[in-house]
């Protein structure tokens, strides 16, 4: 059985929470440091998931960001900053898009799920 890893590229002030949860972390204080970390993680990767603090990913040059977003091994997902407020519909769309990338197909959630 192959073990898949989850690694989070996150600002140092948020790192402790992920470490306490048992997740491997890579601290980055700037988008440039995050890109360097992503490049290193990509070169060392055997699969898994790399979650990147979304403000860092948003500042990544578009060509490089496209490579990260297209990758299926490892899967790169944005880690929301949690600072902005979203309406319920946009939150559902965001979660659906993240799940679709992570599992490879689209999952929907209805308002009323009956057996």
N, C-alpha and C. Protein backbone atom coordinates (compact mmCIF):
# COMPACT_ATOMS: atom_id res chain seq x y z
N UNK A 1 0.84 -1.18 0.00
CA UNK A 1 0.00 0.00 0.00
C UNK A 1 0.88 1.24 0.00
N UNK A 2 0.59 2.18 -0.87
CA UNK A 2 1.35 3.42 -0.98
C UNK A 2 0.72 4.48 -0.09
N UNK A 3 1.54 5.17 0.66
CA UNK A 3 1.06 6.25 1.52
C UNK A 3 1.12 7.56 0.74
N UNK A 4 0.00 8.25 0.71
CA UNK A 4 -0.04 9.55 0.05
C UNK A 4 0.15 10.63 1.11
N UNK A 5 0.88 11.65 0.77
CA UNK A 5 1.16 12.72 1.73
C UNK A 5 0.29 13.94 1.44
N UNK A 6 0.10 14.71 2.49
CA UNK A 6 -0.52 16.03 2.37
C UNK A 6 0.50 17.01 2.91
N UNK A 7 0.85 17.97 2.09
CA UNK A 7 1.80 19.00 2.48
C UNK A 7 1.14 20.35 2.29
N UNK A 8 1.33 21.25 3.26
CA UNK A 8 0.72 22.57 3.20
C UNK A 8 1.81 23.63 3.14
N UNK A 9 1.73 24.50 2.13
CA UNK A 9 2.63 25.65 2.02
C UNK A 9 1.85 26.83 2.58
N UNK A 10 2.31 27.34 3.71
CA UNK A 10 1.50 28.25 4.53
C UNK A 10 2.39 29.30 5.21
N UNK A 11 1.84 30.48 5.51
CA UNK A 11 2.63 31.45 6.28
C UNK A 11 2.98 30.88 7.67
N UNK A 12 4.13 31.24 8.20
CA UNK A 12 4.57 30.71 9.49
C UNK A 12 3.57 30.89 10.62
N UNK A 13 2.82 31.99 10.62
CA UNK A 13 1.89 32.23 11.71
C UNK A 13 0.70 31.28 11.71
N UNK A 14 0.46 30.58 10.61
CA UNK A 14 -0.63 29.61 10.52
C UNK A 14 -0.13 28.17 10.58
N UNK A 15 1.16 28.01 10.58
CA UNK A 15 1.77 26.69 10.47
C UNK A 15 1.45 25.78 11.66
N UNK A 16 1.44 26.30 12.85
CA UNK A 16 1.30 25.46 14.05
C UNK A 16 0.00 24.67 14.05
N UNK A 17 -1.08 25.26 13.59
CA UNK A 17 -2.36 24.55 13.56
C UNK A 17 -2.31 23.32 12.68
N UNK A 18 -1.65 23.43 11.54
CA UNK A 18 -1.54 22.29 10.63
C UNK A 18 -0.59 21.25 11.19
N UNK A 19 0.47 21.70 11.83
CA UNK A 19 1.40 20.74 12.44
C UNK A 19 0.73 19.97 13.56
N UNK A 20 -0.08 20.65 14.37
CA UNK A 20 -0.80 19.97 15.44
C UNK A 20 -1.78 18.94 14.88
N UNK A 21 -2.27 19.17 13.68
CA UNK A 21 -3.18 18.23 13.03
C UNK A 21 -2.41 17.08 12.36
N UNK A 22 -1.09 17.13 12.41
CA UNK A 22 -0.27 16.06 11.85
C UNK A 22 0.06 16.19 10.38
N UNK A 23 -0.11 17.40 9.84
CA UNK A 23 0.15 17.64 8.43
C UNK A 23 1.57 18.19 8.26
N UNK A 24 2.25 17.73 7.22
CA UNK A 24 3.57 18.27 6.90
C UNK A 24 3.39 19.70 6.41
N UNK A 25 4.21 20.60 6.91
CA UNK A 25 4.11 22.00 6.52
C UNK A 25 5.42 22.51 5.95
N UNK A 26 5.29 23.50 5.07
CA UNK A 26 6.45 24.21 4.54
C UNK A 26 6.12 25.69 4.70
N UNK A 27 6.84 26.39 5.58
CA UNK A 27 6.55 27.81 5.78
C UNK A 27 7.06 28.66 4.63
N UNK A 28 6.26 29.66 4.28
CA UNK A 28 6.65 30.63 3.26
C UNK A 28 6.09 31.98 3.69
N UNK A 29 6.90 33.02 3.58
CA UNK A 29 6.45 34.35 3.98
C UNK A 29 6.06 35.23 2.80
N UNK A 30 6.44 34.81 1.59
CA UNK A 30 6.12 35.59 0.38
C UNK A 30 5.67 34.63 -0.72
N UNK A 31 4.98 35.16 -1.73
CA UNK A 31 4.63 34.31 -2.87
C UNK A 31 5.87 33.70 -3.55
N UNK A 32 6.95 34.44 -3.62
CA UNK A 32 8.18 33.91 -4.24
C UNK A 32 8.71 32.71 -3.45
N UNK A 33 8.69 32.78 -2.13
CA UNK A 33 9.11 31.64 -1.32
C UNK A 33 8.18 30.45 -1.52
N UNK A 34 6.89 30.72 -1.67
CA UNK A 34 5.92 29.65 -1.92
C UNK A 34 6.20 28.96 -3.25
N UNK A 35 6.52 29.74 -4.29
CA UNK A 35 6.85 29.17 -5.60
C UNK A 35 8.10 28.30 -5.49
N UNK A 36 9.11 28.77 -4.79
CA UNK A 36 10.32 27.98 -4.58
C UNK A 36 9.99 26.66 -3.88
N UNK A 37 9.14 26.74 -2.86
CA UNK A 37 8.73 25.53 -2.13
C UNK A 37 7.96 24.58 -3.05
N UNK A 38 7.06 25.13 -3.85
CA UNK A 38 6.29 24.29 -4.78
C UNK A 38 7.20 23.60 -5.79
N UNK A 39 8.15 24.33 -6.32
CA UNK A 39 9.10 23.74 -7.26
C UNK A 39 9.86 22.58 -6.62
N UNK A 40 10.30 22.79 -5.38
CA UNK A 40 11.03 21.73 -4.67
C UNK A 40 10.12 20.54 -4.41
N UNK A 41 8.90 20.80 -3.94
CA UNK A 41 7.95 19.72 -3.66
C UNK A 41 7.61 18.94 -4.93
N UNK A 42 7.46 19.65 -6.05
CA UNK A 42 7.19 18.98 -7.32
C UNK A 42 8.34 18.06 -7.71
N UNK A 43 9.56 18.53 -7.54
CA UNK A 43 10.72 17.72 -7.96
C UNK A 43 10.91 16.50 -7.07
N UNK A 44 10.47 16.59 -5.81
CA UNK A 44 10.63 15.48 -4.86
C UNK A 44 9.39 14.60 -4.78
N UNK A 45 8.31 14.99 -5.41
CA UNK A 45 7.01 14.36 -5.20
C UNK A 45 6.90 12.94 -5.75
N UNK A 46 6.17 12.14 -4.99
CA UNK A 46 5.77 10.81 -5.45
C UNK A 46 4.24 10.74 -5.46
N UNK A 47 3.59 11.89 -5.43
CA UNK A 47 2.13 11.96 -5.43
C UNK A 47 1.63 12.73 -4.23
N UNK A 48 0.37 12.53 -3.91
CA UNK A 48 -0.21 13.20 -2.76
C UNK A 48 -0.86 14.52 -3.11
N UNK A 49 -1.04 15.32 -2.08
CA UNK A 49 -1.72 16.61 -2.22
C UNK A 49 -0.83 17.70 -1.65
N UNK A 50 -0.75 18.80 -2.37
CA UNK A 50 -0.05 20.00 -1.88
C UNK A 50 -1.10 21.09 -1.80
N UNK A 51 -1.38 21.54 -0.59
CA UNK A 51 -2.30 22.66 -0.38
C UNK A 51 -1.46 23.92 -0.23
N UNK A 52 -1.84 24.95 -0.97
CA UNK A 52 -1.07 26.19 -0.96
C UNK A 52 -1.98 27.33 -0.51
N UNK A 53 -1.49 28.13 0.42
CA UNK A 53 -2.21 29.31 0.89
C UNK A 53 -2.64 30.11 -0.33
N UNK A 54 -3.93 30.27 -0.50
CA UNK A 54 -4.48 30.84 -1.73
C UNK A 54 -3.91 32.20 -2.12
N UNK A 55 -3.69 33.13 -1.19
CA UNK A 55 -3.08 34.40 -1.61
C UNK A 55 -1.70 34.22 -2.27
N UNK A 56 -0.93 33.22 -1.84
CA UNK A 56 0.35 32.93 -2.48
C UNK A 56 0.14 32.38 -3.88
N UNK A 57 -0.80 31.46 -4.03
CA UNK A 57 -1.06 30.87 -5.33
C UNK A 57 -1.58 31.92 -6.31
N UNK A 58 -2.39 32.84 -5.82
CA UNK A 58 -2.93 33.90 -6.68
C UNK A 58 -1.83 34.81 -7.21
N UNK A 59 -0.73 34.95 -6.48
CA UNK A 59 0.38 35.81 -6.90
C UNK A 59 1.44 35.06 -7.70
N UNK A 60 1.24 33.77 -7.93
CA UNK A 60 2.17 32.97 -8.70
C UNK A 60 2.04 33.33 -10.18
N UNK A 61 3.14 33.45 -10.91
CA UNK A 61 3.05 33.75 -12.34
C UNK A 61 2.10 32.77 -13.04
N UNK A 62 1.28 33.29 -13.95
CA UNK A 62 0.19 32.50 -14.54
C UNK A 62 0.67 31.21 -15.22
N UNK A 63 1.79 31.24 -15.91
CA UNK A 63 2.28 30.03 -16.57
C UNK A 63 2.61 28.93 -15.58
N UNK A 64 3.26 29.31 -14.52
CA UNK A 64 3.63 28.34 -13.50
C UNK A 64 2.39 27.86 -12.75
N UNK A 65 1.48 28.78 -12.45
CA UNK A 65 0.24 28.42 -11.76
C UNK A 65 -0.56 27.42 -12.60
N UNK A 66 -0.58 27.60 -13.91
CA UNK A 66 -1.30 26.67 -14.79
C UNK A 66 -0.71 25.26 -14.70
N UNK A 67 0.61 25.16 -14.60
CA UNK A 67 1.26 23.85 -14.44
C UNK A 67 0.83 23.21 -13.13
N UNK A 68 0.85 23.97 -12.06
CA UNK A 68 0.44 23.44 -10.75
C UNK A 68 -1.02 22.99 -10.78
N UNK A 69 -1.88 23.81 -11.35
CA UNK A 69 -3.30 23.51 -11.35
C UNK A 69 -3.65 22.33 -12.25
N UNK A 70 -2.85 22.07 -13.28
CA UNK A 70 -3.10 20.95 -14.18
C UNK A 70 -2.53 19.63 -13.65
N UNK A 71 -1.69 19.70 -12.66
CA UNK A 71 -1.03 18.50 -12.16
C UNK A 71 -2.03 17.56 -11.48
N UNK A 72 -1.87 16.27 -11.76
CA UNK A 72 -2.68 15.26 -11.09
C UNK A 72 -1.86 14.44 -10.10
N UNK A 73 -0.55 14.59 -10.15
CA UNK A 73 0.30 13.89 -9.20
C UNK A 73 1.60 14.68 -9.02
N UNK A 74 1.67 15.49 -8.02
CA UNK A 74 0.71 15.69 -6.95
C UNK A 74 -0.45 16.62 -7.38
N UNK A 75 -1.53 16.56 -6.62
CA UNK A 75 -2.65 17.47 -6.82
C UNK A 75 -2.36 18.72 -6.02
N UNK A 76 -2.46 19.88 -6.65
CA UNK A 76 -2.25 21.16 -5.97
C UNK A 76 -3.60 21.83 -5.79
N UNK A 77 -3.94 22.14 -4.55
CA UNK A 77 -5.22 22.79 -4.27
C UNK A 77 -4.98 24.08 -3.49
N UNK A 78 -5.80 25.10 -3.75
CA UNK A 78 -5.67 26.34 -2.98
C UNK A 78 -6.25 26.15 -1.59
N UNK A 79 -5.61 26.72 -0.62
CA UNK A 79 -6.07 26.70 0.76
C UNK A 79 -6.61 28.09 1.06
N UNK A 80 -7.94 28.23 1.15
CA UNK A 80 -8.53 29.56 1.34
C UNK A 80 -7.96 30.29 2.55
N UNK A 81 -7.79 31.58 2.38
CA UNK A 81 -7.26 32.41 3.47
C UNK A 81 -8.26 32.57 4.59
N UNK A 82 -9.55 32.45 4.25
CA UNK A 82 -10.59 32.56 5.27
C UNK A 82 -10.88 33.98 5.69
N UNK A 83 -10.38 34.94 4.95
CA UNK A 83 -10.57 36.32 5.33
C UNK A 83 -11.80 36.95 4.70
N UNK A 84 -12.13 36.51 3.49
CA UNK A 84 -13.25 37.11 2.80
C UNK A 84 -14.52 36.30 3.05
N UNK A 85 -15.65 36.97 2.94
CA UNK A 85 -16.91 36.28 3.12
C UNK A 85 -17.49 35.94 1.75
N UNK A 86 -18.04 34.74 1.65
CA UNK A 86 -18.66 34.29 0.41
C UNK A 86 -20.09 33.89 0.71
N UNK A 87 -20.97 34.08 -0.28
CA UNK A 87 -22.33 33.60 -0.08
C UNK A 87 -22.34 32.08 -0.17
N UNK A 88 -23.41 31.47 0.28
CA UNK A 88 -23.48 30.01 0.34
C UNK A 88 -23.30 29.36 -1.03
N UNK A 89 -23.87 29.95 -2.07
CA UNK A 89 -23.76 29.37 -3.42
C UNK A 89 -22.32 29.36 -3.90
N UNK A 90 -21.58 30.45 -3.68
CA UNK A 90 -20.18 30.48 -4.13
C UNK A 90 -19.32 29.53 -3.30
N UNK A 91 -19.66 29.35 -2.02
CA UNK A 91 -18.94 28.38 -1.19
C UNK A 91 -19.17 26.96 -1.71
N UNK A 92 -20.40 26.64 -2.09
CA UNK A 92 -20.70 25.32 -2.65
C UNK A 92 -19.92 25.11 -3.95
N UNK A 93 -19.90 26.12 -4.80
CA UNK A 93 -19.18 26.01 -6.07
C UNK A 93 -17.69 25.81 -5.83
N UNK A 94 -17.15 26.53 -4.88
CA UNK A 94 -15.73 26.42 -4.55
C UNK A 94 -15.38 25.03 -4.03
N UNK A 95 -16.19 24.52 -3.10
CA UNK A 95 -15.96 23.18 -2.56
C UNK A 95 -16.11 22.13 -3.64
N UNK A 96 -17.12 22.28 -4.48
CA UNK A 96 -17.34 21.34 -5.58
C UNK A 96 -16.14 21.32 -6.52
N UNK A 97 -15.60 22.48 -6.86
CA UNK A 97 -14.44 22.55 -7.75
C UNK A 97 -13.22 21.90 -7.12
N UNK A 98 -13.02 22.12 -5.82
CA UNK A 98 -11.88 21.51 -5.13
C UNK A 98 -12.02 19.99 -5.10
N UNK A 99 -13.21 19.50 -4.81
CA UNK A 99 -13.44 18.05 -4.80
C UNK A 99 -13.25 17.45 -6.18
N UNK A 100 -13.74 18.15 -7.18
CA UNK A 100 -13.61 17.67 -8.55
C UNK A 100 -12.14 17.49 -8.91
N UNK A 101 -11.31 18.45 -8.56
CA UNK A 101 -9.87 18.34 -8.84
C UNK A 101 -9.23 17.22 -8.03
N UNK A 102 -9.65 17.09 -6.78
CA UNK A 102 -9.01 16.10 -5.90
C UNK A 102 -9.36 14.66 -6.28
N UNK A 103 -10.61 14.41 -6.65
CA UNK A 103 -11.02 13.03 -6.93
C UNK A 103 -11.15 12.72 -8.41
N UNK A 104 -11.12 13.72 -9.26
CA UNK A 104 -11.13 13.48 -10.69
C UNK A 104 -12.47 13.49 -11.36
N UNK A 105 -13.53 13.76 -10.63
CA UNK A 105 -14.84 13.91 -11.26
C UNK A 105 -15.70 14.83 -10.43
N UNK A 106 -16.78 15.31 -11.04
CA UNK A 106 -17.63 16.32 -10.42
C UNK A 106 -18.63 15.69 -9.45
N UNK A 107 -18.70 16.20 -8.25
CA UNK A 107 -19.65 15.76 -7.23
C UNK A 107 -20.57 16.93 -6.93
N UNK A 108 -21.87 16.65 -6.85
CA UNK A 108 -22.80 17.72 -6.50
C UNK A 108 -23.50 17.38 -5.20
N UNK A 109 -23.96 18.40 -4.53
CA UNK A 109 -24.67 18.25 -3.28
C UNK A 109 -26.04 18.91 -3.45
N UNK A 110 -27.09 18.14 -3.33
CA UNK A 110 -28.43 18.68 -3.44
C UNK A 110 -28.91 19.21 -2.10
N UNK A 111 -29.94 20.02 -2.15
CA UNK A 111 -30.49 20.56 -0.92
C UNK A 111 -31.14 19.46 -0.08
N UNK A 112 -31.86 18.55 -0.75
CA UNK A 112 -32.56 17.49 -0.04
C UNK A 112 -32.08 16.15 -0.57
N UNK A 113 -31.30 15.46 0.23
CA UNK A 113 -30.79 14.15 -0.19
C UNK A 113 -31.63 13.10 0.53
N UNK A 114 -32.38 12.32 -0.24
CA UNK A 114 -33.22 11.28 0.31
C UNK A 114 -32.70 9.92 -0.12
N UNK A 115 -32.86 8.91 0.76
CA UNK A 115 -32.39 7.56 0.39
C UNK A 115 -33.24 6.94 -0.70
